[in-house]
C-alpha atoms as a PDB file:
ATOM      1  CA  MET A   1      -0.128  -0.053  -0.057  1.00  0.00           C
ATOM      2  CA  LYS A   2       2.899   2.621   0.771  1.00  0.00           C
ATOM      3  CA  ARG A   3       4.417   1.610  -2.474  1.00  0.00           C
ATOM      4  CA  THR A   4       1.353   2.239  -4.044  1.00  0.00           C
ATOM      5  CA  VAL A   5       0.942   5.527  -2.206  1.00  0.00           C
ATOM      6  CA  THR A   6       4.724   6.491  -3.083  1.00  0.00           C
ATOM      7  CA  LEU A   7       4.362   5.724  -7.085  1.00  0.00           C
ATOM      8  CA  ILE A   8       1.030   8.070  -7.365  1.00  0.00           C
ATOM      9  CA  LEU A   9       3.251  10.949  -5.651  1.00  0.00           C
ATOM     10  CA  LEU A  10       6.146  10.509  -7.422  1.00  0.00           C
ATOM     11  CA  CYS A  11       4.024  10.713 -10.683  1.00  0.00           C
ATOM     12  CA  LEU A  12       1.985  13.672  -9.369  1.00  0.00           C
ATOM     13  CA  MET A  13       5.453  15.606  -8.985  1.00  0.00           C
ATOM     14  CA  ALA A  14       6.441  14.664 -12.110  1.00  0.00           C
ATOM     15  CA  ALA A  15       3.324  16.048 -14.241  1.00  0.00           C
ATOM     16  CA  THR A  16       3.635  19.220 -12.055  1.00  0.00           C
ATOM     17  CA  CYS A  17       7.227  19.476 -13.001  1.00  0.00           C
ATOM     18  CA  PHE A  18       6.654  19.487 -16.526  1.00  0.00           C
ATOM     19  CA  ALA A  19       3.298  20.964 -16.714  1.00  0.00           C
ATOM     20  CA  GLN A  20       2.948  24.969 -17.259  1.00  0.00           C
ATOM     21  CA  GLY A  21       3.859  27.186 -14.369  1.00  0.00           C
ATOM     22  CA  GLU A  22       3.850  30.745 -14.240  1.00  0.00           C
ATOM     23  CA  ILE A  23       6.462  32.671 -16.687  1.00  0.00           C
ATOM     24  CA  TYR A  24       8.620  35.349 -15.406  1.00  0.00           C
ATOM     25  CA  THR A  25      10.957  37.748 -17.116  1.00  0.00           C
ATOM     26  CA  SER A  26      13.673  35.480 -15.521  1.00  0.00           C
ATOM     27  CA  TRP A  27      12.153  32.502 -16.720  1.00  0.00           C
ATOM     28  CA  PRO A  28      10.277  33.198 -19.922  1.00  0.00           C
ATOM     29  CA  TYR A  29       9.306  29.723 -20.591  1.00  0.00           C
ATOM     30  CA  TYR A  30       6.133  27.875 -21.611  1.00  0.00           C
ATOM     31  CA  TYR A  31       6.945  24.284 -19.080  1.00  0.00           C
ATOM     32  CA  SER A  32       8.242  24.841 -15.731  1.00  0.00           C
ATOM     33  CA  ASP A  33      11.526  23.311 -16.433  1.00  0.00           C
ATOM     34  CA  PHE A  34      13.280  21.631 -19.306  1.00  0.00           C
ATOM     35  CA  GLN A  35      12.626  18.590 -20.691  1.00  0.00           C
ATOM     36  CA  GLU A  36      13.257  15.650 -22.777  1.00  0.00           C
ATOM     37  CA  GLY A  37      12.410  16.069 -26.231  1.00  0.00           C
ATOM     38  CA  THR A  38      12.979  15.474 -29.637  1.00  0.00           C
ATOM     39  CA  LEU A  39      14.305  17.921 -32.559  1.00  0.00           C
ATOM     40  CA  LEU A  40      13.754  16.559 -36.243  1.00  0.00           C
ATOM     41  CA  LEU A  41      16.115  18.622 -38.228  1.00  0.00           C
ATOM     42  CA  THR A  42      16.229  19.114 -42.305  1.00  0.00           C
ATOM     43  CA  GLY A  43      17.831  15.818 -44.030  1.00  0.00           C
ATOM     44  CA  GLY A  44      16.300  13.918 -41.633  1.00  0.00           C
ATOM     45  CA  ARG A  45      18.983  14.827 -38.738  1.00  0.00           C
ATOM     46  CA  ARG A  46      17.342  14.151 -35.062  1.00  0.00           C
ATOM     47  CA  HIS A  47      18.442  15.475 -31.895  1.00  0.00           C
ATOM     48  CA  THR A  48      17.502  14.450 -28.158  1.00  0.00           C
ATOM     49  CA  ARG A  49      18.184  16.972 -25.584  1.00  0.00           C
ATOM     50  CA  PRO A  50      16.280  19.132 -22.545  1.00  0.00           C
ATOM     51  CA  LEU A  51      13.947  21.370 -24.187  1.00  0.00           C
ATOM     52  CA  ASN A  52      11.345  24.113 -23.464  1.00  0.00           C
ATOM     53  CA  VAL A  53       9.634  26.940 -25.055  1.00  0.00           C
ATOM     54  CA  HIS A  54      11.085  30.248 -24.843  1.00  0.00           C
ATOM     55  CA  LEU A  55       7.878  32.688 -25.222  1.00  0.00           C
ATOM     56  CA  LEU A  56       9.694  36.067 -25.249  1.00  0.00           C
ATOM     57  CA  GLU A  57      11.111  34.995 -28.686  1.00  0.00           C
ATOM     58  CA  GLY A  58       8.629  32.134 -29.916  1.00  0.00           C
ATOM     59  CA  LYS A  59      11.883  29.698 -30.289  1.00  0.00           C
ATOM     60  CA  ILE A  60      12.691  26.562 -28.983  1.00  0.00           C
ATOM     61  CA  HIS A  61      15.943  26.229 -26.150  1.00  0.00           C
ATOM     62  CA  PHE A  62      17.786  23.374 -25.443  1.00  0.00           C
ATOM     63  CA  ILE A  63      20.283  22.351 -22.765  1.00  0.00           C
ATOM     64  CA  ASP A  64      23.847  21.179 -23.841  1.00  0.00           C
ATOM     65  CA  GLU A  65      26.016  18.812 -22.373  1.00  0.00           C
ATOM     66  CA  GLY A  66      27.451  21.040 -19.822  1.00  0.00           C
ATOM     67  CA  GLY A  67      24.308  22.152 -18.621  1.00  0.00           C
ATOM     68  CA  ILE A  68      24.294  25.625 -20.724  1.00  0.00           C
ATOM     69  CA  ILE A  69      21.182  27.018 -22.565  1.00  0.00           C
ATOM     70  CA  ARG A  70      21.349  27.446 -25.837  1.00  0.00           C
ATOM     71  CA  GLU A  71      18.972  28.182 -28.940  1.00  0.00           C
ATOM     72  CA  ALA A  72      18.044  25.924 -31.705  1.00  0.00           C
ATOM     73  CA  ASP A  73      17.822  26.928 -34.844  1.00  0.00           C
ATOM     74  CA  ASN A  74      14.227  27.612 -36.077  1.00  0.00           C
ATOM     75  CA  GLY A  75      15.478  27.705 -39.911  1.00  0.00           C
ATOM     76  CA  LYS A  76      16.660  24.002 -39.930  1.00  0.00           C
ATOM     77  CA  MET A  77      13.659  22.912 -37.608  1.00  0.00           C
ATOM     78  CA  ILE A  78      11.117  20.821 -39.245  1.00  0.00           C
ATOM     79  CA  SER A  79       9.388  19.538 -35.987  1.00  0.00           C
ATOM     80  CA  ALA A  80       9.703  19.116 -32.451  1.00  0.00           C
ATOM     81  CA  GLN A  81       8.492  16.784 -29.730  1.00  0.00           C
ATOM     82  CA  ILE A  82       8.322  17.908 -25.955  1.00  0.00           C
ATOM     83  CA  GLY A  83       7.101  15.573 -23.546  1.00  0.00           C
ATOM     84  CA  ASP A  84       3.384  14.779 -24.856  1.00  0.00           C
ATOM     85  CA  ASP A  85       3.098  17.636 -26.871  1.00  0.00           C
ATOM     86  CA  THR A  86       3.901  17.871 -30.691  1.00  0.00           C
ATOM     87  CA  TYR A  87       5.320  21.410 -32.454  1.00  0.00           C
ATOM     88  CA  LYS A  88       5.099  21.963 -36.139  1.00  0.00           C
ATOM     89  CA  ARG A  89       6.270  24.553 -38.414  1.00  0.00           C
ATOM     90  CA  VAL A  90       3.862  27.327 -38.946  1.00  0.00           C
ATOM     91  CA  GLU A  91       3.866  30.660 -39.923  1.00  0.00           C
ATOM     92  CA  GLY A  92       7.344  30.607 -40.102  1.00  0.00           C
ATOM     93  CA  ARG A  93       8.266  29.545 -36.339  1.00  0.00           C
ATOM     94  CA  LEU A  94       7.364  26.536 -34.280  1.00  0.00           C
ATOM     95  CA  MET A  95       3.608  25.889 -32.906  1.00  0.00           C
ATOM     96  CA  GLN A  96       1.754  23.349 -30.955  1.00  0.00           C
ATOM     97  CA  ALA A  97       0.192  21.127 -33.327  1.00  0.00           C
ATOM     98  CA  LEU A  98      -3.151  19.929 -31.848  1.00  0.00           C
ATOM     99  CA  PRO A  99      -4.442  16.771 -33.854  1.00  0.00           C
ATOM    100  CA  GLY A 100      -6.737  17.355 -36.442  1.00  0.00           C
ATOM    101  CA  PRO A 101      -8.099  14.992 -39.269  1.00  0.00           C
ATOM    102  CA  ASP A 102      -4.845  14.181 -40.278  1.00  0.00           C
ATOM    103  CA  ASP A 103      -1.562  14.883 -39.845  1.00  0.00           C
ATOM    104  CA  SER A 104      -1.348  18.006 -42.808  1.00  0.00           C
ATOM    105  CA  HIS A 105      -4.678  19.415 -41.043  1.00  0.00           C
ATOM    106  CA  PHE A 106      -4.367  20.324 -37.475  1.00  0.00           C
ATOM    107  CA  ILE A 107      -4.849  23.618 -34.736  1.00  0.00           C
ATOM    108  CA  ALA A 108      -1.883  25.289 -33.877  1.00  0.00           C
ATOM    109  CA  VAL A 109      -1.129  27.062 -30.707  1.00  0.00           C
ATOM    110  CA  SER A 110       0.518  30.086 -30.671  1.00  0.00           C
ATOM    111  CA  ARG A 111       1.574  31.103 -26.885  1.00  0.00           C
ATOM    112  CA  THR A 112       4.064  34.471 -26.604  1.00  0.00           C
ATOM    113  CA  ALA A 113       5.105  36.750 -23.624  1.00  0.00           C
ATOM    114  CA  ASP A 114       2.001  39.607 -23.398  1.00  0.00           C
ATOM    115  CA  LEU A 115       4.607  42.218 -23.010  1.00  0.00           C
ATOM    116  CA  GLN A 116       1.452  44.916 -24.214  1.00  0.00           C
ATOM    117  CA  ALA A 117      -0.253  43.800 -21.000  1.00  0.00           C
ATOM    118  CA  LEU A 118       2.593  45.470 -19.322  1.00  0.00           C
ATOM    119  CA  ASN A 119       2.197  48.596 -20.819  1.00  0.00           C
ATOM    120  CA  GLU A 120      -1.293  48.410 -20.429  1.00  0.00           C
ATOM    121  CA  THR A 121      -1.294  48.238 -16.921  1.00  0.00           C
ATOM    122  CA  GLY A 122       0.790  51.312 -16.773  1.00  0.00           C
ATOM    123  CA  GLY A 123       3.482  49.760 -15.060  1.00  0.00           C
ATOM    124  CA  ALA A 124       1.985  47.364 -13.019  1.00  0.00           C
ATOM    125  CA  TYR A 125       3.547  44.554 -13.360  1.00  0.00           C
ATOM    126  CA  GLY A 126       6.704  46.569 -12.397  1.00  0.00           C
ATOM    127  CA  VAL A 127       7.950  48.071 -15.969  1.00  0.00           C
ATOM    128  CA  SER A 128       7.548  51.262 -17.485  1.00  0.00           C
ATOM    129  CA  SER A 129       4.602  51.997 -20.064  1.00  0.00           C
ATOM    130  CA  THR A 130       6.862  52.861 -23.126  1.00  0.00           C
ATOM    131  CA  SER A 131       7.497  50.832 -25.828  1.00  0.00           C
ATOM    132  CA  SER A 132      11.050  51.755 -25.538  1.00  0.00           C
ATOM    133  CA  SER A 133      11.239  49.479 -22.205  1.00  0.00           C
ATOM    134  CA  THR A 134       9.297  46.551 -23.839  1.00  0.00           C
ATOM    135  CA  GLN A 135      12.011  46.083 -26.306  1.00  0.00           C
ATOM    136  CA  LYS A 136      14.555  46.585 -23.524  1.00  0.00           C
ATOM    137  CA  LEU A 137      12.939  43.953 -21.462  1.00  0.00           C
ATOM    138  CA  SER A 138      12.906  41.251 -24.356  1.00  0.00           C
ATOM    139  CA  SER A 139      16.657  42.036 -25.633  1.00  0.00           C
ATOM    140  CA  LEU A 140      17.628  41.926 -21.673  1.00  0.00           C
ATOM    141  CA  GLU A 141      16.178  38.465 -21.144  1.00  0.00           C
ATOM    142  CA  THR A 142      17.251  36.839 -24.050  1.00  0.00           C
ATOM    143  CA  SER A 143      21.232  37.808 -23.150  1.00  0.00           C
ATOM    144  CA  GLN A 144      20.480  36.414 -19.910  1.00  0.00           C
ATOM    145  CA  VAL A 145      18.885  33.384 -20.784  1.00  0.00           C
ATOM    146  CA  ILE A 146      21.189  32.288 -23.713  1.00  0.00           C
ATOM    147  CA  ASN A 147      24.959  30.715 -22.871  1.00  0.00           C
ATOM    148  CA  THR A 148      23.657  30.831 -19.355  1.00  0.00           C
ATOM    149  CA  SER A 149      23.790  27.732 -17.275  1.00  0.00           C
ATOM    150  CA  HIS A 150      20.414  25.977 -16.675  1.00  0.00           C
ATOM    151  CA  MET A 151      20.556  25.907 -13.104  1.00  0.00           C
ATOM    152  CA  ASP A 152      21.342  28.969 -12.608  1.00  0.00           C
ATOM    153  CA  ILE A 153      18.216  30.587 -14.453  1.00  0.00           C
ATOM    154  CA  LEU A 154      16.154  27.530 -12.502  1.00  0.00           C
ATOM    155  CA  GLN A 155      17.242  28.405  -8.976  1.00  0.00           C
ATOM    156  CA  HIS A 156      16.153  32.458  -9.505  1.00  0.00           C
ATOM    157  CA  LYS A 157      12.936  31.355 -11.629  1.00  0.00           C
ATOM    158  CA  GLU A 158      10.691  33.414 -10.027  1.00  0.00           C
ATOM    159  CA  ASP A 159      13.083  36.778  -9.584  1.00  0.00           C
ATOM    160  CA  GLY A 160      11.736  38.783 -12.227  1.00  0.00           C
ATOM    161  CA  THR A 161       8.562  39.983 -13.055  1.00  0.00           C
ATOM    162  CA  ARG A 162       5.452  37.617 -14.022  1.00  0.00           C
ATOM    163  CA  LEU A 163       4.352  37.914 -17.389  1.00  0.00           C
ATOM    164  CA  LYS A 164       0.859  36.885 -18.756  1.00  0.00           C
ATOM    165  CA  VAL A 165       0.586  34.559 -21.987  1.00  0.00           C
ATOM    166  CA  LYS A 166      -0.971  35.668 -25.100  1.00  0.00           C
ATOM    167  CA  THR A 167      -2.377  32.445 -26.629  1.00  0.00           C
ATOM    168  CA  GLU A 168      -3.883  32.266 -30.346  1.00  0.00           C
ATOM    169  CA  TYR A 169      -5.096  29.630 -32.744  1.00  0.00           C
ATOM    170  CA  TYR A 170      -4.779  28.738 -36.019  1.00  0.00           C
ATOM    171  CA  ILE A 171      -6.118  26.460 -38.484  1.00  0.00           C
ATOM    172  CA  VAL A 172      -3.522  24.788 -40.580  1.00  0.00           C
ATOM    173  CA  ARG A 173      -4.884  22.880 -43.877  1.00  0.00           C
ATOM    174  CA  GLY A 174      -1.494  21.469 -45.532  1.00  0.00           C
ATOM    175  CA  HIS A 175       0.507  24.786 -46.552  1.00  0.00           C
ATOM    176  CA  GLU A 176      -2.276  26.903 -45.693  1.00  0.00           C
ATOM    177  CA  SER A 177      -2.589  28.732 -42.669  1.00  0.00           C
ATOM    178  CA  ILE A 178      -5.053  31.338 -41.059  1.00  0.00           C
ATOM    179  CA  ARG A 179      -5.792  32.385 -37.529  1.00  0.00           C
ATOM    180  CA  ALA A 180      -8.626  31.232 -36.116  1.00  0.00           C
ATOM    181  CA  THR A 181     -11.139  33.887 -35.687  1.00  0.00           C
ATOM    182  CA  LYS A 182     -14.590  34.906 -37.049  1.00  0.00           C
ATOM    183  CA  ARG A 183     -12.534  38.079 -38.602  1.00  0.00           C
ATOM    184  CA  ASP A 184      -9.777  36.508 -40.047  1.00  0.00           C
ATOM    185  CA  ILE A 185     -11.629  33.713 -41.608  1.00  0.00           C
ATOM    186  CA  ASN A 186     -14.249  35.968 -42.898  1.00  0.00           C
ATOM    187  CA  ASN A 187     -11.510  38.631 -44.446  1.00  0.00           C
ATOM    188  CA  SER A 188     -10.131  35.094 -46.002  1.00  0.00           C
ATOM    189  CA  LEU A 189     -13.328  34.666 -48.156  1.00  0.00           C
ATOM    190  CA  ASP A 190     -15.146  35.939 -51.450  1.00  0.00           C
ATOM    191  CA  LYS A 191     -18.434  37.197 -51.391  1.00  0.00           C
ATOM    192  CA  GLU A 192     -20.021  33.488 -51.880  1.00  0.00           C
ATOM    193  CA  GLY A 193     -17.829  31.965 -48.784  1.00  0.00           C
ATOM    194  CA  LYS A 194     -18.706  34.551 -46.975  1.00  0.00           C
ATOM    195  CA  ALA A 195     -22.392  33.311 -47.055  1.00  0.00           C
ATOM    196  CA  ARG A 196     -21.607  29.770 -46.834  1.00  0.00           C
ATOM    197  CA  PHE A 197     -19.306  30.861 -43.669  1.00  0.00           C
ATOM    198  CA  LYS A 198     -22.543  32.867 -42.444  1.00  0.00           C
ATOM    199  CA  ALA A 199     -24.658  29.753 -42.786  1.00  0.00           C
ATOM    200  CA  PHE A 200     -22.105  27.735 -40.994  1.00  0.00           C
ATOM    201  CA  LEU A 201     -21.651  29.605 -38.189  1.00  0.00           C
ATOM    202  CA  LYS A 202     -25.717  29.630 -37.574  1.00  0.00           C
ATOM    203  CA  ASP A 203     -25.380  25.748 -37.155  1.00  0.00           C
ATOM    204  CA  HIS A 204     -22.262  25.352 -35.550  1.00  0.00           C
ATOM    205  CA  LYS A 205     -21.410  26.753 -32.406  1.00  0.00           C
ATOM    206  CA  ILE A 206     -18.027  27.855 -32.200  1.00  0.00           C
ATOM    207  CA  ASN A 207     -16.236  28.972 -29.202  1.00  0.00           C
ATOM    208  CA  TRP A 208     -12.894  30.975 -30.832  1.00  0.00           C
ATOM    209  CA  LYS A 209     -10.956  30.155 -27.318  1.00  0.00           C
ATOM    210  CA  ASP A 210     -11.446  26.431 -27.226  1.00  0.00           C
ATOM    211  CA  PRO A 211      -9.463  24.827 -29.656  1.00  0.00           C
ATOM    212  CA  GLU A 212     -11.639  21.497 -29.445  1.00  0.00           C
ATOM    213  CA  SER A 213     -14.560  23.344 -30.643  1.00  0.00           C
ATOM    214  CA  LEU A 214     -12.098  25.014 -33.602  1.00  0.00           C
ATOM    215  CA  LYS A 215     -11.958  21.643 -35.100  1.00  0.00           C
ATOM    216  CA  GLN A 216     -15.427  22.194 -36.361  1.00  0.00           C
ATOM    217  CA  LEU A 217     -14.013  24.375 -38.947  1.00  0.00           C
ATOM    218  CA  PHE A 218     -12.395  21.642 -40.958  1.00  0.00           C
ATOM    219  CA  GLU A 219     -16.256  20.756 -41.855  1.00  0.00           C
ATOM    220  CA  PHE A 220     -16.334  23.998 -43.408  1.00  0.00           C
ATOM    221  CA  TYR A 221     -13.464  24.369 -45.158  1.00  0.00           C
ATOM    222  CA  ASN A 222     -14.097  20.742 -46.607  1.00  0.00           C
ATOM    223  CA  ASP A 223     -17.546  21.095 -47.570  1.00  0.00           C
END
């Protein structure tokens, strides 16, 4: 009985470790720590490294053999697997891919640190409300993380300013992608398409903030 309880606690601790946590200027990463993942590069090359997603840059970082944080070359990456999450190239960068009808049709999730929210609060998060401060913040945190010891950053992850995450969704169909909002989709259609889209929305309740609900849009494109 004790062994079962211990195993359950260990599993819960592991799940917590790799879940999304609070992000800070001192820890601008989606996952609460780096975790084992695989990068698929051009030419069929594969690299297995501890990976994480940098939310200020929208790039994937990894830890090298010496425990130093490095930046993966987005131009050479085709896809990445981080834990149970799959990332694919969309709009020139890697976004998390949520399964759709097939491998080339899926919902892509874009996550970035919402620096604009800092400005809108008038500095409530501890920074100036000027646009220049936002640019300096992004540049500063990038230089602090790259080529730095993973353990040093991890130990001081909550020392910075807390950030919010901005999440956007995209409908991906083969080599085409469009932001999954009513306005963006409607603006992409011709007159006949707009009429079909209006009729489709009457019959389908779309929650534009729920990726599972957004998958209904594949029915519209397949009509």
